[in-house]
N, C-alpha and C. Protein backbone atom coordinates (compact mmCIF):
# COMPACT_ATOMS: atom_id res chain seq x y z
N MET A 1 -1.50 0.81 23.26
CA MET A 1 -1.29 -0.29 22.84
C MET A 1 -0.42 -0.06 21.93
N GLY A 2 0.00 -0.93 21.58
CA GLY A 2 1.74 -0.46 19.79
C GLY A 2 0.31 -0.82 18.90
N ARG A 3 1.33 -0.08 17.40
CA ARG A 3 0.76 -0.12 16.16
C ARG A 3 0.43 -1.83 15.79
N ARG A 4 1.39 -2.85 16.25
CA ARG A 4 1.14 -3.99 15.75
C ARG A 4 0.35 -4.81 16.56
N ASP A 5 0.04 -4.33 17.88
CA ASP A 5 -1.01 -5.09 18.70
C ASP A 5 -2.77 -4.54 17.85
N HIS A 6 -2.59 -3.14 17.91
CA HIS A 6 -3.94 -2.66 17.32
C HIS A 6 -4.17 -3.50 16.35
N TRP A 7 -3.33 -3.49 15.32
CA TRP A 7 -3.94 -3.90 13.94
C TRP A 7 -4.33 -5.33 14.14
N GLU A 8 -3.35 -6.15 15.07
CA GLU A 8 -3.56 -7.54 15.38
C GLU A 8 -5.21 -7.82 15.86
N ALA A 9 -5.39 -6.44 16.73
CA ALA A 9 -7.23 -6.80 17.51
C ALA A 9 -7.80 -6.55 16.13
N VAL A 10 -7.71 -5.75 15.39
CA VAL A 10 -8.86 -5.47 14.62
C VAL A 10 -8.94 -6.53 14.30
N TYR A 11 -8.06 -7.86 13.06
CA TYR A 11 -8.66 -8.53 12.52
C TYR A 11 -8.86 -9.84 12.98
N HIS A 12 -8.69 -9.71 14.64
CA HIS A 12 -9.18 -10.90 15.68
C HIS A 12 -11.17 -10.46 16.14
N THR A 13 -11.30 -9.58 15.51
CA THR A 13 -12.51 -8.67 15.76
C THR A 13 -13.35 -8.57 14.51
N LYS A 14 -12.76 -8.21 13.21
CA LYS A 14 -13.22 -8.35 12.04
C LYS A 14 -12.81 -9.26 11.17
N ARG A 15 -13.57 -9.84 9.99
CA ARG A 15 -13.06 -10.43 8.81
C ARG A 15 -12.42 -9.25 7.63
N PRO A 16 -12.11 -10.02 7.08
CA PRO A 16 -11.21 -8.91 5.52
C PRO A 16 -12.64 -8.17 5.15
N HIS A 17 -13.83 -8.57 4.58
CA HIS A 17 -14.88 -7.72 3.93
C HIS A 17 -15.55 -6.94 5.36
N GLU A 18 -15.13 -6.68 6.84
CA GLU A 18 -16.36 -5.87 7.58
C GLU A 18 -15.17 -4.46 7.73
N VAL A 19 -14.05 -4.60 7.47
CA VAL A 19 -13.06 -3.48 7.98
C VAL A 19 -13.30 -2.46 6.63
N SER A 20 -13.40 -1.54 7.18
CA SER A 20 -13.96 -0.02 6.19
C SER A 20 -13.04 0.26 5.30
N TRP A 21 -11.84 -0.47 4.91
CA TRP A 21 -11.00 -0.30 3.67
C TRP A 21 -11.38 -1.31 2.53
N TYR A 22 -11.69 -1.87 2.85
CA TYR A 22 -12.15 -3.66 2.25
C TYR A 22 -12.52 -2.93 1.09
N GLN A 23 -11.90 -3.36 -0.29
CA GLN A 23 -12.18 -3.42 -1.63
C GLN A 23 -12.69 -4.88 -2.06
N SER A 24 -13.50 -5.45 -3.04
CA SER A 24 -13.58 -5.93 -3.37
C SER A 24 -12.78 -6.51 -4.73
N ARG A 25 -11.93 -5.53 -5.30
CA ARG A 25 -10.67 -5.59 -6.21
C ARG A 25 -10.44 -4.30 -6.11
N ALA A 26 -8.79 -4.25 -5.98
CA ALA A 26 -7.90 -3.09 -6.22
C ALA A 26 -8.23 -2.24 -7.13
N GLU A 27 -8.92 -1.87 -8.01
CA GLU A 27 -9.44 -1.84 -9.18
C GLU A 27 -8.75 -0.32 -9.64
N ARG A 28 -8.30 0.97 -8.89
CA ARG A 28 -7.35 2.16 -9.33
C ARG A 28 -6.03 1.83 -9.16
N SER A 29 -5.79 1.10 -8.39
CA SER A 29 -4.17 0.37 -8.45
C SER A 29 -3.76 -0.07 -9.45
N ILE A 30 -4.60 -1.51 -9.82
CA ILE A 30 -4.31 -1.95 -11.19
C ILE A 30 -4.24 -1.27 -12.67
N GLU A 31 -5.27 -0.20 -12.63
CA GLU A 31 -5.44 0.56 -13.43
C GLU A 31 -3.83 1.33 -13.74
N MET A 32 -3.67 2.43 -12.42
CA MET A 32 -2.12 2.66 -12.78
C MET A 32 -0.99 2.08 -13.18
N ILE A 33 -0.96 0.84 -12.12
CA ILE A 33 0.33 -0.25 -12.86
C ILE A 33 -0.04 -0.68 -14.03
N ARG A 34 -1.03 -0.70 -14.64
CA ARG A 34 -0.99 -1.14 -16.37
C ARG A 34 -1.00 0.15 -17.18
N ARG A 35 -1.14 1.16 -16.70
CA ARG A 35 -0.71 2.70 -17.29
C ARG A 35 0.63 2.79 -17.31
N ALA A 36 1.25 2.40 -16.21
CA ALA A 36 2.89 2.70 -16.16
C ALA A 36 3.46 1.59 -16.98
N ALA A 37 3.24 0.59 -17.41
CA ALA A 37 3.67 -0.39 -18.19
C ALA A 37 5.05 -1.02 -17.02
N LEU A 38 4.85 -1.37 -16.00
CA LEU A 38 5.87 -2.05 -14.98
C LEU A 38 6.03 -2.98 -15.73
N HIS A 39 7.56 -3.35 -15.73
CA HIS A 39 8.33 -4.75 -16.18
C HIS A 39 7.94 -5.90 -15.94
N ARG A 40 7.61 -6.86 -16.32
CA ARG A 40 6.81 -7.96 -16.12
C ARG A 40 8.08 -8.48 -14.83
N GLY A 41 9.20 -8.32 -15.06
CA GLY A 41 9.97 -8.94 -14.15
C GLY A 41 10.45 -8.52 -12.80
N ALA A 42 9.56 -6.93 -12.51
CA ALA A 42 9.93 -6.23 -11.73
C ALA A 42 9.06 -6.56 -10.29
N LEU A 43 9.99 -7.11 -9.15
CA LEU A 43 9.15 -7.44 -7.78
C LEU A 43 8.16 -6.16 -7.11
N ILE A 44 6.90 -6.60 -6.92
CA ILE A 44 6.04 -5.68 -6.57
C ILE A 44 6.51 -6.02 -4.77
N LEU A 45 6.66 -4.95 -3.77
CA LEU A 45 5.82 -4.98 -2.44
C LEU A 45 4.85 -4.47 -2.01
N ASP A 46 4.21 -5.04 -1.46
CA ASP A 46 2.82 -4.45 -1.15
C ASP A 46 2.50 -4.19 0.37
N VAL A 47 2.92 -2.94 0.76
CA VAL A 47 3.27 -2.57 2.02
C VAL A 47 2.17 -2.29 2.68
N GLY A 48 1.86 -3.18 3.83
CA GLY A 48 0.59 -2.68 4.61
C GLY A 48 -1.21 -3.63 4.08
N GLY A 49 -0.50 -4.77 2.75
CA GLY A 49 -1.25 -5.29 2.07
C GLY A 49 -2.03 -5.92 2.73
N GLY A 50 -1.78 -6.84 3.75
CA GLY A 50 -3.03 -7.66 5.08
C GLY A 50 -3.44 -8.76 4.10
N ALA A 51 -4.71 -8.37 4.18
CA ALA A 51 -5.92 -9.50 3.41
C ALA A 51 -6.10 -8.78 2.48
N SER A 52 -6.14 -8.09 1.79
CA SER A 52 -6.12 -7.01 0.25
C SER A 52 -6.10 -8.23 -0.65
N THR A 53 -7.00 -7.93 -1.68
CA THR A 53 -7.11 -8.84 -2.56
C THR A 53 -6.18 -8.51 -4.22
N PHE A 54 -5.10 -7.32 -3.51
CA PHE A 54 -4.38 -6.63 -4.45
C PHE A 54 -3.54 -7.77 -5.16
N ALA A 55 -2.55 -8.44 -4.67
CA ALA A 55 -1.90 -9.65 -5.09
C ALA A 55 -2.98 -10.25 -6.28
N ALA A 56 -4.21 -10.87 -5.40
CA ALA A 56 -4.54 -11.81 -6.36
C ALA A 56 -5.05 -11.00 -7.64
N ASP A 57 -5.64 -9.77 -7.55
CA ASP A 57 -6.06 -9.07 -8.80
C ASP A 57 -5.02 -8.81 -9.84
N LEU A 58 -3.95 -8.63 -9.39
CA LEU A 58 -2.18 -8.63 -10.45
C LEU A 58 -2.87 -10.17 -11.02
N ARG A 59 -2.79 -10.93 -10.61
CA ARG A 59 -2.63 -12.31 -11.43
C ARG A 59 -4.11 -12.47 -12.53
N ALA A 60 -5.18 -12.04 -11.76
CA ALA A 60 -6.57 -12.35 -12.81
C ALA A 60 -6.07 -11.25 -13.98
N GLU A 61 -5.40 -9.99 -13.91
CA GLU A 61 -4.96 -9.43 -15.12
C GLU A 61 -4.12 -10.17 -15.86
N GLY A 62 -3.16 -10.93 -15.25
CA GLY A 62 -1.99 -11.78 -16.29
C GLY A 62 -0.82 -10.65 -15.78
N LEU A 63 -1.08 -10.05 -15.01
CA LEU A 63 0.43 -9.15 -14.29
C LEU A 63 0.77 -9.85 -12.99
N ASP A 64 1.87 -11.00 -13.99
CA ASP A 64 2.55 -12.34 -13.09
C ASP A 64 3.90 -12.10 -12.25
N ASN A 65 3.97 -10.98 -12.09
CA ASN A 65 4.94 -10.25 -11.25
C ASN A 65 5.18 -10.60 -9.70
N LEU A 66 6.44 -10.91 -9.31
CA LEU A 66 6.68 -11.95 -8.34
C LEU A 66 5.98 -10.75 -7.26
N VAL A 67 5.17 -10.75 -5.79
CA VAL A 67 4.54 -9.93 -4.95
C VAL A 67 4.93 -10.38 -3.64
N VAL A 68 5.42 -9.47 -2.97
CA VAL A 68 5.81 -9.66 -1.83
C VAL A 68 5.36 -8.58 -0.73
N VAL A 69 4.28 -9.47 0.18
CA VAL A 69 2.65 -8.80 0.79
C VAL A 69 3.40 -8.48 2.54
N VAL A 70 3.55 -7.50 2.97
CA VAL A 70 4.37 -7.27 4.52
C VAL A 70 2.91 -6.83 5.20
N ASP A 71 2.69 -6.82 6.73
CA ASP A 71 2.33 -6.67 6.97
C ASP A 71 2.27 -6.64 8.29
N LEU A 72 2.45 -5.54 9.21
CA LEU A 72 2.23 -5.77 10.70
C LEU A 72 1.30 -6.88 11.68
N ALA A 73 0.09 -7.09 11.05
CA ALA A 73 -0.87 -8.39 11.55
C ALA A 73 -0.96 -9.56 11.14
N ALA A 74 -0.32 -10.50 11.86
CA ALA A 74 -0.24 -11.62 10.98
C ALA A 74 -1.83 -12.45 10.82
N ALA A 75 -2.63 -11.72 11.92
CA ALA A 75 -3.96 -12.36 11.73
C ALA A 75 -4.45 -12.02 9.98
N ALA A 76 -3.74 -10.79 9.44
CA ALA A 76 -4.67 -10.14 8.19
C ALA A 76 -4.02 -10.93 7.25
N LEU A 77 -2.73 -11.64 7.48
CA LEU A 77 -1.59 -12.39 6.18
C LEU A 77 -2.32 -13.65 6.51
N ARG A 78 -2.54 -14.34 7.25
CA ARG A 78 -3.17 -15.75 7.84
C ARG A 78 -4.66 -15.65 6.64
N HIS A 79 -5.37 -14.71 6.63
CA HIS A 79 -6.27 -14.42 5.71
C HIS A 79 -6.59 -14.82 4.47
N ALA A 80 -4.84 -13.85 3.73
CA ALA A 80 -4.75 -13.79 2.55
C ALA A 80 -4.33 -15.38 2.05
N ARG A 81 -3.25 -15.93 3.09
CA ARG A 81 -3.14 -17.22 2.99
C ARG A 81 -3.79 -17.72 2.23
N HIS A 82 -5.25 -17.86 3.09
CA HIS A 82 -6.29 -18.99 3.47
C HIS A 82 -7.16 -18.91 1.85
N ARG A 83 -7.07 -17.71 0.96
CA ARG A 83 -8.01 -17.23 0.06
C ARG A 83 -7.89 -18.19 -0.92
N PRO A 84 -9.14 -18.81 -1.51
CA PRO A 84 -8.84 -19.74 -2.40
C PRO A 84 -8.23 -18.99 -3.65
N GLY A 85 -7.59 -20.14 -4.67
CA GLY A 85 -6.71 -19.67 -5.66
C GLY A 85 -5.88 -20.86 -6.05
N PRO A 86 -4.95 -20.30 -7.50
CA PRO A 86 -4.16 -21.16 -7.52
C PRO A 86 -2.80 -21.11 -6.50
N THR A 87 -2.22 -21.72 -6.31
CA THR A 87 -0.58 -21.49 -5.38
C THR A 87 0.22 -21.50 -6.43
N ALA A 88 0.26 -21.75 -7.45
CA ALA A 88 1.71 -21.45 -8.20
C ALA A 88 1.73 -19.55 -8.47
N GLY A 89 3.19 -19.50 -8.10
CA GLY A 89 3.45 -18.20 -8.51
C GLY A 89 2.66 -17.41 -7.27
N ALA A 90 1.73 -17.67 -6.07
CA ALA A 90 1.23 -17.22 -4.99
C ALA A 90 2.07 -16.16 -4.51
N PRO A 91 1.62 -15.13 -4.17
CA PRO A 91 2.47 -14.04 -3.15
C PRO A 91 3.70 -14.53 -2.03
N GLU A 92 4.47 -13.91 -1.57
CA GLU A 92 5.46 -14.41 -0.26
C GLU A 92 4.38 -13.48 0.68
N TYR A 93 4.00 -13.26 1.77
CA TYR A 93 3.51 -13.59 2.47
C TYR A 93 4.96 -12.84 4.15
N VAL A 94 4.96 -11.63 4.48
CA VAL A 94 6.15 -11.53 5.47
C VAL A 94 5.10 -10.96 6.65
N VAL A 95 5.59 -11.19 8.03
CA VAL A 95 5.05 -10.02 9.40
C VAL A 95 6.23 -9.15 9.16
N GLY A 96 5.51 -7.95 8.88
CA GLY A 96 6.67 -6.64 8.92
C GLY A 96 6.06 -5.38 9.25
N ASP A 97 7.64 -4.43 9.28
CA ASP A 97 6.81 -2.87 9.49
C ASP A 97 7.50 -2.19 8.22
N ALA A 98 6.27 -1.21 7.85
CA ALA A 98 6.82 -0.09 6.29
C ALA A 98 8.17 0.51 7.09
N LEU A 99 7.79 0.81 8.42
CA LEU A 99 9.36 1.34 8.61
C LEU A 99 10.04 0.76 8.88
N ALA A 100 10.35 -0.20 8.79
CA ALA A 100 11.76 -1.44 8.35
C ALA A 100 11.54 -2.60 8.24
N VAL A 101 10.88 -2.24 6.66
CA VAL A 101 10.56 -3.56 5.86
C VAL A 101 12.12 -4.55 5.73
N PRO A 102 11.39 -6.16 5.94
CA PRO A 102 12.26 -7.40 6.14
C PRO A 102 12.65 -7.53 4.58
N VAL A 103 12.96 -6.95 3.96
CA VAL A 103 13.58 -7.47 2.28
C VAL A 103 15.06 -6.48 2.01
N ALA A 104 15.40 -7.26 1.22
CA ALA A 104 17.39 -6.48 0.43
C ALA A 104 16.64 -5.61 0.10
N SER A 105 17.57 -4.55 0.23
CA SER A 105 18.49 -2.63 -0.69
C SER A 105 17.63 -3.34 -2.05
N ARG A 106 17.15 -2.18 -2.71
CA ARG A 106 16.81 -2.20 -4.04
C ARG A 106 16.30 -3.44 -4.70
N CYS A 107 15.32 -4.24 -4.28
CA CYS A 107 14.79 -5.51 -4.59
C CYS A 107 13.60 -4.78 -5.21
N ALA A 108 13.03 -3.64 -5.16
CA ALA A 108 11.40 -3.99 -5.87
C ALA A 108 11.50 -2.89 -6.58
N GLY A 109 10.81 -3.13 -7.88
CA GLY A 109 10.54 -2.19 -8.76
C GLY A 109 9.00 -1.14 -9.11
N LEU A 110 8.05 -1.56 -7.46
CA LEU A 110 7.33 -1.14 -7.31
C LEU A 110 7.26 -1.17 -5.80
N TRP A 111 6.55 -0.39 -5.31
CA TRP A 111 6.23 -0.24 -3.66
C TRP A 111 4.62 0.60 -3.65
N HIS A 112 4.08 -0.81 -3.06
CA HIS A 112 2.74 -0.05 -3.29
C HIS A 112 2.28 0.21 -1.91
N ASP A 113 1.30 0.72 -1.51
CA ASP A 113 0.87 1.07 0.04
C ASP A 113 -0.74 1.77 -0.33
N ARG A 114 -1.58 1.24 -0.18
CA ARG A 114 -2.89 1.77 0.07
C ARG A 114 -3.30 1.48 1.61
N ALA A 115 -3.09 2.96 1.92
CA ALA A 115 -3.71 3.33 3.50
C ALA A 115 -3.07 2.84 4.42
N VAL A 116 -1.74 3.04 4.19
CA VAL A 116 -1.04 2.81 5.84
C VAL A 116 -0.08 4.26 5.88
N PHE A 117 0.24 4.84 4.87
CA PHE A 117 1.15 5.76 5.13
C PHE A 117 0.39 7.46 5.99
N HIS A 118 -1.08 7.54 5.07
CA HIS A 118 -1.80 8.03 5.97
C HIS A 118 -1.57 8.67 7.75
N PHE A 119 -1.55 6.76 8.03
CA PHE A 119 -1.48 6.48 9.44
C PHE A 119 -0.41 7.21 10.23
N LEU A 120 0.90 7.83 9.14
CA LEU A 120 1.76 8.36 9.97
C LEU A 120 1.93 10.03 10.28
N THR A 121 1.10 9.85 11.52
CA THR A 121 0.88 11.66 11.90
C THR A 121 2.13 11.94 12.79
N ASP A 122 3.56 10.86 12.74
CA ASP A 122 4.83 11.35 13.54
C ASP A 122 5.40 11.96 12.74
N PRO A 123 6.20 13.24 12.22
CA PRO A 123 7.18 13.23 11.30
C PRO A 123 8.44 12.57 11.12
N ALA A 124 8.53 12.30 12.47
CA ALA A 124 9.59 11.50 12.74
C ALA A 124 9.72 9.89 12.11
N ASP A 125 8.33 9.29 11.83
CA ASP A 125 7.56 8.03 11.51
C ASP A 125 7.78 8.53 9.60
N ARG A 126 7.30 9.07 9.53
CA ARG A 126 7.06 9.60 8.32
C ARG A 126 8.64 9.50 6.98
N GLU A 127 9.79 10.02 7.87
CA GLU A 127 10.79 10.25 7.68
C GLU A 127 11.42 8.70 7.79
N ARG A 128 11.14 7.78 8.43
CA ARG A 128 11.56 6.37 8.30
C ARG A 128 11.09 5.73 7.38
N TYR A 129 9.80 5.88 7.23
CA TYR A 129 8.57 5.34 5.84
C TYR A 129 9.83 6.10 4.63
N LEU A 130 9.85 7.24 4.30
CA LEU A 130 10.61 7.68 3.28
C LEU A 130 11.97 7.07 3.05
N ALA A 131 12.53 6.56 3.74
CA ALA A 131 14.24 6.15 4.26
C ALA A 131 13.95 4.66 3.33
N GLU A 132 12.92 3.98 4.22
CA GLU A 132 13.07 2.79 3.61
C GLU A 132 12.37 2.57 2.15
N VAL A 133 11.88 3.59 1.64
CA VAL A 133 11.39 3.34 0.23
C VAL A 133 12.34 3.65 -0.51
N ARG A 134 13.68 4.59 -0.28
CA ARG A 134 14.85 4.76 -0.56
C ARG A 134 15.50 3.84 -1.06
N ARG A 135 15.45 3.20 0.07
CA ARG A 135 16.53 2.11 0.52
C ARG A 135 15.77 0.77 -0.49
N VAL A 136 14.71 0.14 -0.03
CA VAL A 136 13.91 -0.78 -1.01
C VAL A 136 13.54 -0.52 -2.30
N VAL A 137 13.26 0.95 -3.42
CA VAL A 137 12.90 0.62 -4.43
C VAL A 137 14.18 0.92 -5.53
N GLN A 138 14.16 0.20 -6.45
CA GLN A 138 14.88 0.27 -7.31
C GLN A 138 14.98 1.63 -7.79
N PRO A 139 16.55 2.73 -8.59
CA PRO A 139 16.39 3.53 -8.87
C PRO A 139 15.65 3.67 -10.60
N GLY A 140 14.75 4.39 -10.30
CA GLY A 140 13.55 4.09 -11.69
C GLY A 140 12.85 3.32 -11.42
N GLY A 141 12.28 2.80 -10.39
CA GLY A 141 11.33 2.06 -9.69
C GLY A 141 10.03 2.90 -9.63
N LEU A 142 8.84 2.70 -9.17
CA LEU A 142 7.63 3.22 -8.89
C LEU A 142 7.68 3.15 -7.46
N VAL A 143 6.29 4.29 -6.85
CA VAL A 143 5.89 3.95 -5.76
C VAL A 143 4.40 4.31 -5.93
N LEU A 144 2.92 3.67 -5.50
CA LEU A 144 2.04 3.87 -5.70
C LEU A 144 1.81 4.24 -4.26
N VAL A 145 1.09 5.33 -3.95
CA VAL A 145 0.53 5.40 -2.82
C VAL A 145 -0.66 6.08 -2.24
N ALA A 146 -1.64 5.44 -1.62
CA ALA A 146 -3.34 5.95 -1.91
C ALA A 146 -3.61 6.14 -0.22
N THR A 147 -3.50 7.31 -0.22
CA THR A 147 -4.10 7.99 1.18
C THR A 147 -5.40 8.60 1.05
N PHE A 148 -6.15 8.88 2.36
CA PHE A 148 -7.28 9.55 2.48
C PHE A 148 -7.35 11.40 1.70
N ALA A 149 -7.90 11.79 1.03
CA ALA A 149 -7.92 12.98 0.13
C ALA A 149 -8.07 14.13 1.34
N PRO A 150 -8.10 15.34 1.16
CA PRO A 150 -8.30 16.34 2.26
C PRO A 150 -9.62 16.44 2.75
N ASP A 151 -10.37 16.01 1.94
CA ASP A 151 -12.32 15.92 2.17
C ASP A 151 -12.17 14.23 2.52
N GLY A 152 -11.26 13.64 2.91
CA GLY A 152 -11.72 12.30 3.52
C GLY A 152 -11.73 12.58 4.46
N PRO A 153 -11.75 11.01 5.51
CA PRO A 153 -11.68 10.72 6.75
C PRO A 153 -10.97 11.03 7.87
N GLU A 154 -10.61 12.44 8.68
CA GLU A 154 -9.99 12.85 10.04
C GLU A 154 -9.34 11.60 10.55
N ARG A 155 -10.19 10.70 10.94
CA ARG A 155 -9.88 8.85 11.63
C ARG A 155 -10.21 8.06 11.25
N CYS A 156 -9.51 6.46 11.08
CA CYS A 156 -9.78 5.79 10.80
C CYS A 156 -9.49 4.90 11.68
N SER A 157 -10.26 3.53 12.01
CA SER A 157 -10.27 2.51 12.58
C SER A 157 -9.77 2.89 14.05
N GLY A 158 -10.52 3.96 14.68
CA GLY A 158 -9.99 4.94 15.99
C GLY A 158 -8.65 5.30 16.22
N LEU A 159 -7.77 5.63 14.98
CA LEU A 159 -6.32 6.76 14.73
C LEU A 159 -6.77 7.83 14.20
N PRO A 160 -6.06 8.46 14.22
CA PRO A 160 -5.88 9.90 13.40
C PRO A 160 -5.29 9.61 12.52
N VAL A 161 -5.15 10.37 11.45
CA VAL A 161 -4.92 10.47 10.12
C VAL A 161 -4.16 11.60 9.45
N VAL A 162 -3.44 11.41 8.20
CA VAL A 162 -3.06 12.78 7.81
C VAL A 162 -3.28 12.72 6.43
N ARG A 163 -4.05 13.75 6.00
CA ARG A 163 -4.93 13.88 4.17
C ARG A 163 -3.84 14.54 3.57
N TYR A 164 -3.73 14.16 2.35
CA TYR A 164 -3.13 14.82 1.24
C TYR A 164 -3.45 14.56 -0.06
N ASP A 165 -3.10 16.20 -0.58
CA ASP A 165 -3.55 15.93 -2.14
C ASP A 165 -2.43 15.63 -3.25
N PRO A 166 -2.33 15.44 -4.45
CA PRO A 166 -1.87 15.00 -4.98
C PRO A 166 -0.17 15.79 -4.77
N GLY A 167 -0.12 17.00 -5.04
CA GLY A 167 1.04 17.95 -4.55
C GLY A 167 1.65 17.92 -3.84
N GLU A 168 0.92 17.46 -2.38
CA GLU A 168 1.03 18.00 -0.86
C GLU A 168 1.82 16.17 -1.03
N LEU A 169 1.49 15.45 -1.57
CA LEU A 169 2.17 13.59 -1.71
C LEU A 169 3.44 14.14 -2.21
N GLN A 170 3.40 14.76 -3.51
CA GLN A 170 4.86 14.92 -4.40
C GLN A 170 5.96 15.84 -3.07
N ARG A 171 5.58 17.17 -2.03
CA ARG A 171 5.91 18.03 -1.60
C ARG A 171 6.65 17.02 -0.24
N VAL A 172 6.37 15.61 -0.09
CA VAL A 172 6.54 15.00 0.79
C VAL A 172 7.78 14.30 1.15
N PHE A 173 7.23 13.52 -0.15
CA PHE A 173 8.23 12.62 -0.74
C PHE A 173 9.30 13.25 -1.38
N GLY A 174 9.75 14.55 -1.77
CA GLY A 174 10.71 15.34 -2.24
C GLY A 174 11.24 15.00 -3.39
N ARG A 175 12.54 15.36 -3.42
CA ARG A 175 12.92 15.85 -5.04
C ARG A 175 13.45 14.55 -5.92
N ASP A 176 13.34 13.57 -4.91
CA ASP A 176 14.08 12.39 -5.38
C ASP A 176 12.84 11.63 -6.07
N PHE A 177 11.41 12.10 -5.78
CA PHE A 177 10.26 11.07 -6.41
C PHE A 177 9.65 12.52 -7.41
N SER A 178 9.63 11.80 -8.49
CA SER A 178 8.56 12.68 -9.44
C SER A 178 7.28 12.09 -9.75
N LEU A 179 6.23 12.75 -9.62
CA LEU A 179 4.88 12.48 -9.72
C LEU A 179 4.35 12.10 -11.25
N VAL A 180 4.43 11.14 -11.58
CA VAL A 180 3.82 10.15 -12.71
C VAL A 180 2.71 10.59 -13.10
N GLU A 181 1.38 10.25 -12.30
CA GLU A 181 0.10 10.31 -12.14
C GLU A 181 -0.32 10.37 -11.18
N SER A 182 -1.99 10.98 -10.81
CA SER A 182 -2.26 11.13 -9.33
C SER A 182 -3.99 10.73 -9.80
N GLY A 183 -4.63 10.26 -8.74
CA GLY A 183 -6.02 10.22 -9.46
C GLY A 183 -6.92 10.45 -7.79
N ARG A 184 -8.55 9.88 -8.01
CA ARG A 184 -8.93 10.52 -6.85
C ARG A 184 -9.93 8.96 -7.57
N GLU A 185 -10.56 8.27 -5.64
CA GLU A 185 -11.16 7.39 -5.74
C GLU A 185 -12.34 7.88 -4.92
N ILE A 186 -13.67 7.55 -4.81
CA ILE A 186 -14.44 7.65 -3.92
C ILE A 186 -14.91 6.29 -3.12
N HIS A 187 -14.25 6.01 -2.47
CA HIS A 187 -14.17 4.22 -1.85
C HIS A 187 -15.37 4.21 -1.02
N GLN A 188 -16.04 3.31 -1.34
CA GLN A 188 -17.55 2.87 -0.32
C GLN A 188 -17.07 1.70 0.74
N THR A 189 -17.52 2.19 1.67
CA THR A 189 -17.23 1.33 3.02
C THR A 189 -18.13 0.03 2.95
N PRO A 190 -17.68 -1.09 3.60
CA PRO A 190 -18.74 -1.93 3.40
C PRO A 190 -20.22 -1.75 4.30
N ALA A 191 -19.85 -0.65 5.14
CA ALA A 191 -21.03 -0.02 5.72
C ALA A 191 -21.80 0.71 5.22
N GLY A 192 -21.64 1.46 3.92
CA GLY A 192 -22.26 2.11 3.61
C GLY A 192 -21.64 3.62 3.38
N GLY A 193 -20.59 3.60 3.95
CA GLY A 193 -19.83 5.29 4.22
C GLY A 193 -19.35 5.54 2.59
N LYS A 194 -18.59 6.32 2.50
CA LYS A 194 -18.12 7.42 1.59
C LYS A 194 -16.69 7.74 2.50
N GLN A 195 -16.10 7.26 1.38
CA GLN A 195 -14.52 7.77 1.63
C GLN A 195 -13.60 8.28 0.22
N ALA A 196 -13.26 9.72 0.74
CA ALA A 196 -12.47 10.33 -0.82
C ALA A 196 -10.85 9.87 -0.19
N PHE A 197 -10.39 9.12 -1.44
CA PHE A 197 -9.04 9.10 -1.44
C PHE A 197 -8.27 9.72 -2.72
N THR A 198 -6.86 9.79 -2.12
CA THR A 198 -6.27 10.59 -3.35
C THR A 198 -5.03 9.48 -3.51
N TYR A 199 -4.23 9.59 -4.75
CA TYR A 199 -3.58 8.14 -5.40
C TYR A 199 -2.68 8.91 -5.85
N GLY A 200 -1.28 8.52 -5.74
CA GLY A 200 -0.14 9.09 -6.46
C GLY A 200 0.93 8.46 -6.74
N LEU A 201 1.30 8.26 -7.94
CA LEU A 201 2.32 7.09 -8.58
C LEU A 201 3.35 7.71 -8.78
N LEU A 202 4.38 7.89 -8.47
CA LEU A 202 5.92 8.58 -8.30
C LEU A 202 6.94 7.75 -8.81
N ARG A 203 7.45 8.24 -9.81
CA ARG A 203 9.11 7.63 -10.55
C ARG A 203 10.05 7.84 -8.92
N TYR A 204 11.25 6.78 -8.65
CA TYR A 204 12.01 7.35 -7.71
C TYR A 204 13.64 7.82 -8.86
N GLU A 205 14.12 8.62 -8.68
CA GLU A 205 14.79 9.36 -9.61
C GLU A 205 15.96 9.72 -8.62
N PRO A 206 16.73 9.14 -7.71
CA PRO A 206 17.79 9.87 -6.80
C PRO A 206 18.57 10.70 -7.27
N GLN A 207 18.39 11.88 -6.62
CA GLN A 207 19.41 13.09 -7.41
C GLN A 207 20.97 13.06 -6.58
N GLY A 208 21.19 11.73 -5.96
CA GLY A 208 22.51 11.69 -5.58
C GLY A 208 23.13 12.43 -4.15
């Protein structure tokens, strides 16, 4: 089964609040974005955002940046589109792959990814992902990535993952990215389990 089919199957068999990564509010991401003082006009790309509340949480906090949510699973995006709330300034939802994001080059002031990058166990896929980050994010823009921490799960949704601490995230992203802030979160799953996450906020500063 391909990656797209896998995630479509997940959202056809579970409701958004039943998946292990569900958050009622994207608390840590919102806090880090607020401290980073992101320009209000900057476009935010939520990669793998699916049915996440992240875009709605931004608006609730008065961060009314344009948000584009990209996800492999059309079923996940349908859940997000039908979430109650005002339609003015609503996010744009796009079916697409983090390895080939269907948006223009240098369009984003912030790339947000909670729980996509750690599924990229093939080094070639990580290189494709990083190439897309460098293509899409404006110089001086931000990249906020959340992955399982070294003491987090080794598998999720039946798939293997790669776990990171902040230093490893910095190393993998490379010299074009500087680590602005990092953090740790113990996420409680809907089933009552606990998962350790690493958050890394990096600034894209291409070295030429």
